[in-house]
């Protein structure tokens, strides 16, 4: 059973794949049956089964790190287009279109808002589901702190600014945060700890 969360407009399916235990999400419009897959990370046969059974129309990448992109060649070969930000596009062998800050991805009747949240990578993108308390945070925000910034292109001050300005400030406390690895959290759970993260430096 892959169903992880649902409300009257949307279903969110989740599988955990690969050696880094990546979360892969499918966001599905309950009215139209159309869906998108977030992060074609690994185990392409499983992901292609999900794509086929859940009506996936396209694939959105939160960022370009290797563990989030292993299945991209297979899903593109199967006819699914892949979107990534311009800043992270060079990390991929191939892609089909670019994701832009504040653009909106239509998924049947659903609307996914693209939120550029750099810091983990220059092009890290989060996705907010309009009308539902859901944020897909990629590797930008986890329970207990920001994503790692020690990789090439990462920057701690930048990820803190992204979290504070583009997640904590505008989003309600009950927003469910679905990260690229591990367990979910909420904006309300994490907001009080921002200064702790700044003080510790990671």
C-alpha atoms as a PDB file:
ATOM      1  CA  UNK A   1       0.000   0.000   0.000  1.00  0.00           C
ATOM      2  CA  UNK A   2       1.570   3.263  -1.147  1.00  0.00           C
ATOM      3  CA  UNK A   3      -1.144   5.716  -0.044  1.00  0.00           C
ATOM      4  CA  UNK A   4       0.445   8.041   2.514  1.00  0.00           C
ATOM      5  CA  UNK A   5      -1.974  10.992   2.846  1.00  0.00           C
ATOM      6  CA  UNK A   6      -5.234  12.151   1.323  1.00  0.00           C
ATOM      7  CA  UNK A   7      -7.944  14.759   1.526  1.00  0.00           C
ATOM      8  CA  UNK A   8     -10.949  15.580  -0.636  1.00  0.00           C
ATOM      9  CA  UNK A   9      -8.868  16.814  -3.602  1.00  0.00           C
ATOM     10  CA  UNK A  10      -5.580  14.891  -3.506  1.00  0.00           C
ATOM     11  CA  UNK A  11      -3.897  11.599  -2.810  1.00  0.00           C
ATOM     12  CA  UNK A  12      -0.216  11.408  -1.934  1.00  0.00           C
ATOM     13  CA  UNK A  13       1.523   8.095  -2.471  1.00  0.00           C
ATOM     14  CA  UNK A  14       4.975   7.361  -1.058  1.00  0.00           C
ATOM     15  CA  UNK A  15       7.673   4.750  -1.633  1.00  0.00           C
ATOM     16  CA  UNK A  16      11.186   4.601  -0.191  1.00  0.00           C
ATOM     17  CA  UNK A  17      13.870   3.539  -2.675  1.00  0.00           C
ATOM     18  CA  UNK A  18      17.586   3.050  -3.114  1.00  0.00           C
ATOM     19  CA  UNK A  19      20.604   2.872  -0.804  1.00  0.00           C
ATOM     20  CA  UNK A  20      19.992   6.400   0.529  1.00  0.00           C
ATOM     21  CA  UNK A  21      16.355   5.548   1.352  1.00  0.00           C
ATOM     22  CA  UNK A  22      14.934   8.333  -0.777  1.00  0.00           C
ATOM     23  CA  UNK A  23      11.301   9.277  -0.440  1.00  0.00           C
ATOM     24  CA  UNK A  24       9.508   9.320  -3.788  1.00  0.00           C
ATOM     25  CA  UNK A  25       6.060  10.889  -3.830  1.00  0.00           C
ATOM     26  CA  UNK A  26       3.198  10.753  -6.313  1.00  0.00           C
ATOM     27  CA  UNK A  27       0.641  13.561  -6.076  1.00  0.00           C
ATOM     28  CA  UNK A  28      -2.654  12.539  -7.647  1.00  0.00           C
ATOM     29  CA  UNK A  29      -5.773  14.553  -8.398  1.00  0.00           C
ATOM     30  CA  UNK A  30      -8.736  12.559  -7.110  1.00  0.00           C
ATOM     31  CA  UNK A  31     -11.140  14.172  -9.585  1.00  0.00           C
ATOM     32  CA  UNK A  32      -9.181  13.707 -12.827  1.00  0.00           C
ATOM     33  CA  UNK A  33      -6.833  10.862 -11.933  1.00  0.00           C
ATOM     34  CA  UNK A  34      -3.845  12.824 -13.245  1.00  0.00           C
ATOM     35  CA  UNK A  35      -0.656  12.705 -11.176  1.00  0.00           C
ATOM     36  CA  UNK A  36       2.968  13.839 -10.959  1.00  0.00           C
ATOM     37  CA  UNK A  37       5.949  11.988  -9.513  1.00  0.00           C
ATOM     38  CA  UNK A  38       8.392  13.932  -7.337  1.00  0.00           C
ATOM     39  CA  UNK A  39      12.030  12.751  -7.557  1.00  0.00           C
ATOM     40  CA  UNK A  40      12.760   9.771  -9.810  1.00  0.00           C
ATOM     41  CA  UNK A  41      15.365   8.609  -7.334  1.00  0.00           C
ATOM     42  CA  UNK A  42      16.010   4.904  -7.855  1.00  0.00           C
ATOM     43  CA  UNK A  43      14.394   1.485  -8.428  1.00  0.00           C
ATOM     44  CA  UNK A  44      13.029   2.547 -11.808  1.00  0.00           C
ATOM     45  CA  UNK A  45      10.911  -0.591 -12.299  1.00  0.00           C
ATOM     46  CA  UNK A  46       8.928   0.170  -9.146  1.00  0.00           C
ATOM     47  CA  UNK A  47       8.577   3.822 -10.119  1.00  0.00           C
ATOM     48  CA  UNK A  48       7.372   2.938 -13.603  1.00  0.00           C
ATOM     49  CA  UNK A  49       4.737   0.668 -12.070  1.00  0.00           C
ATOM     50  CA  UNK A  50       3.595   3.590  -9.918  1.00  0.00           C
ATOM     51  CA  UNK A  51       3.558   5.916 -12.913  1.00  0.00           C
ATOM     52  CA  UNK A  52       1.418   3.492 -14.883  1.00  0.00           C
ATOM     53  CA  UNK A  53      -1.024   2.625 -12.114  1.00  0.00           C
ATOM     54  CA  UNK A  54      -1.500   6.137 -10.717  1.00  0.00           C
ATOM     55  CA  UNK A  55      -1.755   8.170 -13.924  1.00  0.00           C
ATOM     56  CA  UNK A  56       1.530  10.055 -13.704  1.00  0.00           C
ATOM     57  CA  UNK A  57       1.905  12.658 -16.470  1.00  0.00           C
ATOM     58  CA  UNK A  58       5.309  14.182 -15.624  1.00  0.00           C
ATOM     59  CA  UNK A  59       8.227  14.020 -13.182  1.00  0.00           C
ATOM     60  CA  UNK A  60       9.451  16.917 -11.019  1.00  0.00           C
ATOM     61  CA  UNK A  61      12.926  16.957  -9.482  1.00  0.00           C
ATOM     62  CA  UNK A  62      13.516  18.771  -6.184  1.00  0.00           C
ATOM     63  CA  UNK A  63      17.230  19.000  -7.007  1.00  0.00           C
ATOM     64  CA  UNK A  64      19.990  17.359  -8.988  1.00  0.00           C
ATOM     65  CA  UNK A  65      21.944  15.271  -6.480  1.00  0.00           C
ATOM     66  CA  UNK A  66      22.798  11.782  -7.721  1.00  0.00           C
ATOM     67  CA  UNK A  67      20.582   9.930  -5.256  1.00  0.00           C
ATOM     68  CA  UNK A  68      17.483  11.799  -6.480  1.00  0.00           C
ATOM     69  CA  UNK A  69      17.996  11.206 -10.224  1.00  0.00           C
ATOM     70  CA  UNK A  70      19.002   7.560 -10.763  1.00  0.00           C
ATOM     71  CA  UNK A  71      15.702   6.571 -12.381  1.00  0.00           C
ATOM     72  CA  UNK A  72      15.462   9.538 -14.754  1.00  0.00           C
ATOM     73  CA  UNK A  73      16.854   7.751 -17.850  1.00  0.00           C
ATOM     74  CA  UNK A  74      14.313   4.942 -17.457  1.00  0.00           C
ATOM     75  CA  UNK A  75      11.317   7.195 -16.890  1.00  0.00           C
ATOM     76  CA  UNK A  76      12.284   9.371 -19.854  1.00  0.00           C
ATOM     77  CA  UNK A  77      12.718   6.276 -22.030  1.00  0.00           C
ATOM     78  CA  UNK A  78       9.191   5.299 -20.984  1.00  0.00           C
ATOM     79  CA  UNK A  79       7.869   8.635 -22.259  1.00  0.00           C
ATOM     80  CA  UNK A  80       7.628  10.730 -19.110  1.00  0.00           C
ATOM     81  CA  UNK A  81       9.006  14.256 -19.245  1.00  0.00           C
ATOM     82  CA  UNK A  82      11.293  15.437 -16.441  1.00  0.00           C
ATOM     83  CA  UNK A  83      11.517  18.970 -15.059  1.00  0.00           C
ATOM     84  CA  UNK A  84      14.374  20.459 -13.038  1.00  0.00           C
ATOM     85  CA  UNK A  85      15.625  23.967 -12.229  1.00  0.00           C
ATOM     86  CA  UNK A  86      18.115  25.675 -14.508  1.00  0.00           C
ATOM     87  CA  UNK A  87      20.642  25.930 -11.670  1.00  0.00           C
ATOM     88  CA  UNK A  88      20.673  22.141 -11.147  1.00  0.00           C
ATOM     89  CA  UNK A  89      20.076  21.022 -14.742  1.00  0.00           C
ATOM     90  CA  UNK A  90      23.767  20.348 -15.407  1.00  0.00           C
ATOM     91  CA  UNK A  91      23.713  17.632 -12.725  1.00  0.00           C
ATOM     92  CA  UNK A  92      21.367  15.555 -14.897  1.00  0.00           C
ATOM     93  CA  UNK A  93      22.345  13.629 -18.009  1.00  0.00           C
ATOM     94  CA  UNK A  94      19.043  14.644 -19.557  1.00  0.00           C
ATOM     95  CA  UNK A  95      15.785  16.454 -18.834  1.00  0.00           C
ATOM     96  CA  UNK A  96      12.861  17.941 -20.749  1.00  0.00           C
ATOM     97  CA  UNK A  97      11.904  21.306 -19.268  1.00  0.00           C
ATOM     98  CA  UNK A  98      12.924  23.823 -16.613  1.00  0.00           C
ATOM     99  CA  UNK A  99      11.109  24.569 -13.376  1.00  0.00           C
ATOM    100  CA  UNK A 100      10.923  28.252 -12.428  1.00  0.00           C
ATOM    101  CA  UNK A 101      10.342  29.936  -9.093  1.00  0.00           C
ATOM    102  CA  UNK A 102       6.682  30.763  -8.441  1.00  0.00           C
ATOM    103  CA  UNK A 103       5.498  28.851 -11.481  1.00  0.00           C
ATOM    104  CA  UNK A 104       2.490  26.568 -11.089  1.00  0.00           C
ATOM    105  CA  UNK A 105       2.297  22.946 -12.195  1.00  0.00           C
ATOM    106  CA  UNK A 106      -1.260  21.863 -12.990  1.00  0.00           C
ATOM    107  CA  UNK A 107      -2.068  18.274 -12.048  1.00  0.00           C
ATOM    108  CA  UNK A 108      -5.629  17.731 -13.188  1.00  0.00           C
ATOM    109  CA  UNK A 109      -7.528  20.153 -10.943  1.00  0.00           C
ATOM    110  CA  UNK A 110      -4.597  20.409  -8.500  1.00  0.00           C
ATOM    111  CA  UNK A 111      -2.026  23.193  -8.516  1.00  0.00           C
ATOM    112  CA  UNK A 112       1.537  22.686  -7.294  1.00  0.00           C
ATOM    113  CA  UNK A 113       3.409  25.917  -6.610  1.00  0.00           C
ATOM    114  CA  UNK A 114       7.167  25.900  -7.244  1.00  0.00           C
ATOM    115  CA  UNK A 115       9.205  27.558  -4.477  1.00  0.00           C
ATOM    116  CA  UNK A 116      12.913  28.076  -5.154  1.00  0.00           C
ATOM    117  CA  UNK A 117      14.677  27.150  -1.894  1.00  0.00           C
ATOM    118  CA  UNK A 118      18.437  27.189  -2.584  1.00  0.00           C
ATOM    119  CA  UNK A 119      21.093  26.200  -0.082  1.00  0.00           C
ATOM    120  CA  UNK A 120      21.307  22.422  -0.306  1.00  0.00           C
ATOM    121  CA  UNK A 121      21.947  22.959  -4.002  1.00  0.00           C
ATOM    122  CA  UNK A 122      21.733  26.224  -5.966  1.00  0.00           C
ATOM    123  CA  UNK A 123      18.570  25.048  -7.696  1.00  0.00           C
ATOM    124  CA  UNK A 124      16.722  23.230  -4.934  1.00  0.00           C
ATOM    125  CA  UNK A 125      12.954  23.498  -5.450  1.00  0.00           C
ATOM    126  CA  UNK A 126      10.136  22.833  -3.011  1.00  0.00           C
ATOM    127  CA  UNK A 127       6.510  22.312  -3.999  1.00  0.00           C
ATOM    128  CA  UNK A 128       3.403  23.555  -2.166  1.00  0.00           C
ATOM    129  CA  UNK A 129       0.043  21.931  -2.861  1.00  0.00           C
ATOM    130  CA  UNK A 130      -2.588  24.652  -3.169  1.00  0.00           C
ATOM    131  CA  UNK A 131      -5.671  24.002  -1.072  1.00  0.00           C
ATOM    132  CA  UNK A 132      -4.028  21.303   1.047  1.00  0.00           C
ATOM    133  CA  UNK A 133      -1.583  21.744   3.965  1.00  0.00           C
ATOM    134  CA  UNK A 134       1.296  20.045   2.138  1.00  0.00           C
ATOM    135  CA  UNK A 135       4.874  21.068   1.331  1.00  0.00           C
ATOM    136  CA  UNK A 136       7.360  18.816  -0.463  1.00  0.00           C
ATOM    137  CA  UNK A 137      10.672  20.138   0.854  1.00  0.00           C
ATOM    138  CA  UNK A 138      13.196  17.952  -0.971  1.00  0.00           C
ATOM    139  CA  UNK A 139      16.446  18.022   1.000  1.00  0.00           C
ATOM    140  CA  UNK A 140      15.950  21.601   2.209  1.00  0.00           C
ATOM    141  CA  UNK A 141      14.017  20.983   5.448  1.00  0.00           C
ATOM    142  CA  UNK A 142      13.891  17.871   7.631  1.00  0.00           C
ATOM    143  CA  UNK A 143      12.649  17.109  11.137  1.00  0.00           C
ATOM    144  CA  UNK A 144      15.317  18.721  13.294  1.00  0.00           C
ATOM    145  CA  UNK A 145      16.984  21.008  10.828  1.00  0.00           C
ATOM    146  CA  UNK A 146      18.071  21.972   7.339  1.00  0.00           C
ATOM    147  CA  UNK A 147      19.563  19.657   4.753  1.00  0.00           C
ATOM    148  CA  UNK A 148      23.302  19.236   4.436  1.00  0.00           C
ATOM    149  CA  UNK A 149      25.215  22.146   2.920  1.00  0.00           C
ATOM    150  CA  UNK A 150      28.719  20.634   2.730  1.00  0.00           C
ATOM    151  CA  UNK A 151      28.393  19.464  -0.856  1.00  0.00           C
ATOM    152  CA  UNK A 152      29.532  21.522  -3.840  1.00  0.00           C
ATOM    153  CA  UNK A 153      27.064  24.352  -4.352  1.00  0.00           C
ATOM    154  CA  UNK A 154      25.681  24.106  -0.828  1.00  0.00           C
ATOM    155  CA  UNK A 155      25.587  27.101   1.508  1.00  0.00           C
ATOM    156  CA  UNK A 156      24.359  27.183   5.110  1.00  0.00           C
ATOM    157  CA  UNK A 157      23.377  30.863   5.248  1.00  0.00           C
ATOM    158  CA  UNK A 158      21.420  30.427   2.021  1.00  0.00           C
ATOM    159  CA  UNK A 159      19.477  27.375   3.207  1.00  0.00           C
ATOM    160  CA  UNK A 160      18.597  29.136   6.470  1.00  0.00           C
ATOM    161  CA  UNK A 161      17.295  32.109   4.493  1.00  0.00           C
ATOM    162  CA  UNK A 162      15.281  29.792   2.248  1.00  0.00           C
ATOM    163  CA  UNK A 163      13.711  28.040   5.226  1.00  0.00           C
ATOM    164  CA  UNK A 164      12.956  31.235   7.110  1.00  0.00           C
ATOM    165  CA  UNK A 165      11.702  33.386   4.234  1.00  0.00           C
ATOM    166  CA  UNK A 166      10.086  30.846   1.917  1.00  0.00           C
ATOM    167  CA  UNK A 167       8.758  28.238   4.354  1.00  0.00           C
ATOM    168  CA  UNK A 168       8.426  29.443   7.953  1.00  0.00           C
ATOM    169  CA  UNK A 169       7.227  32.990   7.253  1.00  0.00           C
ATOM    170  CA  UNK A 170       4.516  32.340   4.644  1.00  0.00           C
ATOM    171  CA  UNK A 171       3.241  28.860   5.535  1.00  0.00           C
ATOM    172  CA  UNK A 172       0.744  27.944   8.278  1.00  0.00           C
ATOM    173  CA  UNK A 173       1.947  25.985  11.293  1.00  0.00           C
ATOM    174  CA  UNK A 174      -0.170  22.962  10.358  1.00  0.00           C
ATOM    175  CA  UNK A 175       1.561  22.564   6.982  1.00  0.00           C
ATOM    176  CA  UNK A 176       2.820  18.985   6.648  1.00  0.00           C
ATOM    177  CA  UNK A 177       6.431  18.892   5.432  1.00  0.00           C
ATOM    178  CA  UNK A 178       7.301  15.853   3.300  1.00  0.00           C
ATOM    179  CA  UNK A 179      11.101  15.707   2.893  1.00  0.00           C
ATOM    180  CA  UNK A 180      13.352  13.815   0.504  1.00  0.00           C
ATOM    181  CA  UNK A 181      14.412  11.315   3.179  1.00  0.00           C
ATOM    182  CA  UNK A 182      13.006  10.144   6.483  1.00  0.00           C
ATOM    183  CA  UNK A 183       9.904  11.127   8.387  1.00  0.00           C
ATOM    184  CA  UNK A 184       7.522  13.997   7.845  1.00  0.00           C
ATOM    185  CA  UNK A 185       7.137  16.960  10.173  1.00  0.00           C
ATOM    186  CA  UNK A 186       5.172  20.211  10.276  1.00  0.00           C
ATOM    187  CA  UNK A 187       6.104  23.862   9.938  1.00  0.00           C
ATOM    188  CA  UNK A 188       4.854  24.408  13.480  1.00  0.00           C
ATOM    189  CA  UNK A 189       7.119  21.699  14.887  1.00  0.00           C
ATOM    190  CA  UNK A 190      10.252  23.115  13.273  1.00  0.00           C
ATOM    191  CA  UNK A 191       9.815  26.900  13.413  1.00  0.00           C
ATOM    192  CA  UNK A 192      10.728  27.316  17.119  1.00  0.00           C
ATOM    193  CA  UNK A 193      14.128  25.702  16.516  1.00  0.00           C
ATOM    194  CA  UNK A 194      15.454  28.006  13.802  1.00  0.00           C
ATOM    195  CA  UNK A 195      17.786  29.941  16.087  1.00  0.00           C
ATOM    196  CA  UNK A 196      19.176  26.668  17.497  1.00  0.00           C
ATOM    197  CA  UNK A 197      20.151  25.605  13.985  1.00  0.00           C
ATOM    198  CA  UNK A 198      21.761  28.958  13.267  1.00  0.00           C
ATOM    199  CA  UNK A 199      23.730  28.811  16.507  1.00  0.00           C
ATOM    200  CA  UNK A 200      25.016  25.283  15.904  1.00  0.00           C
ATOM    201  CA  UNK A 201      25.856  26.028  12.270  1.00  0.00           C
ATOM    202  CA  UNK A 202      24.298  22.986  10.625  1.00  0.00           C
END
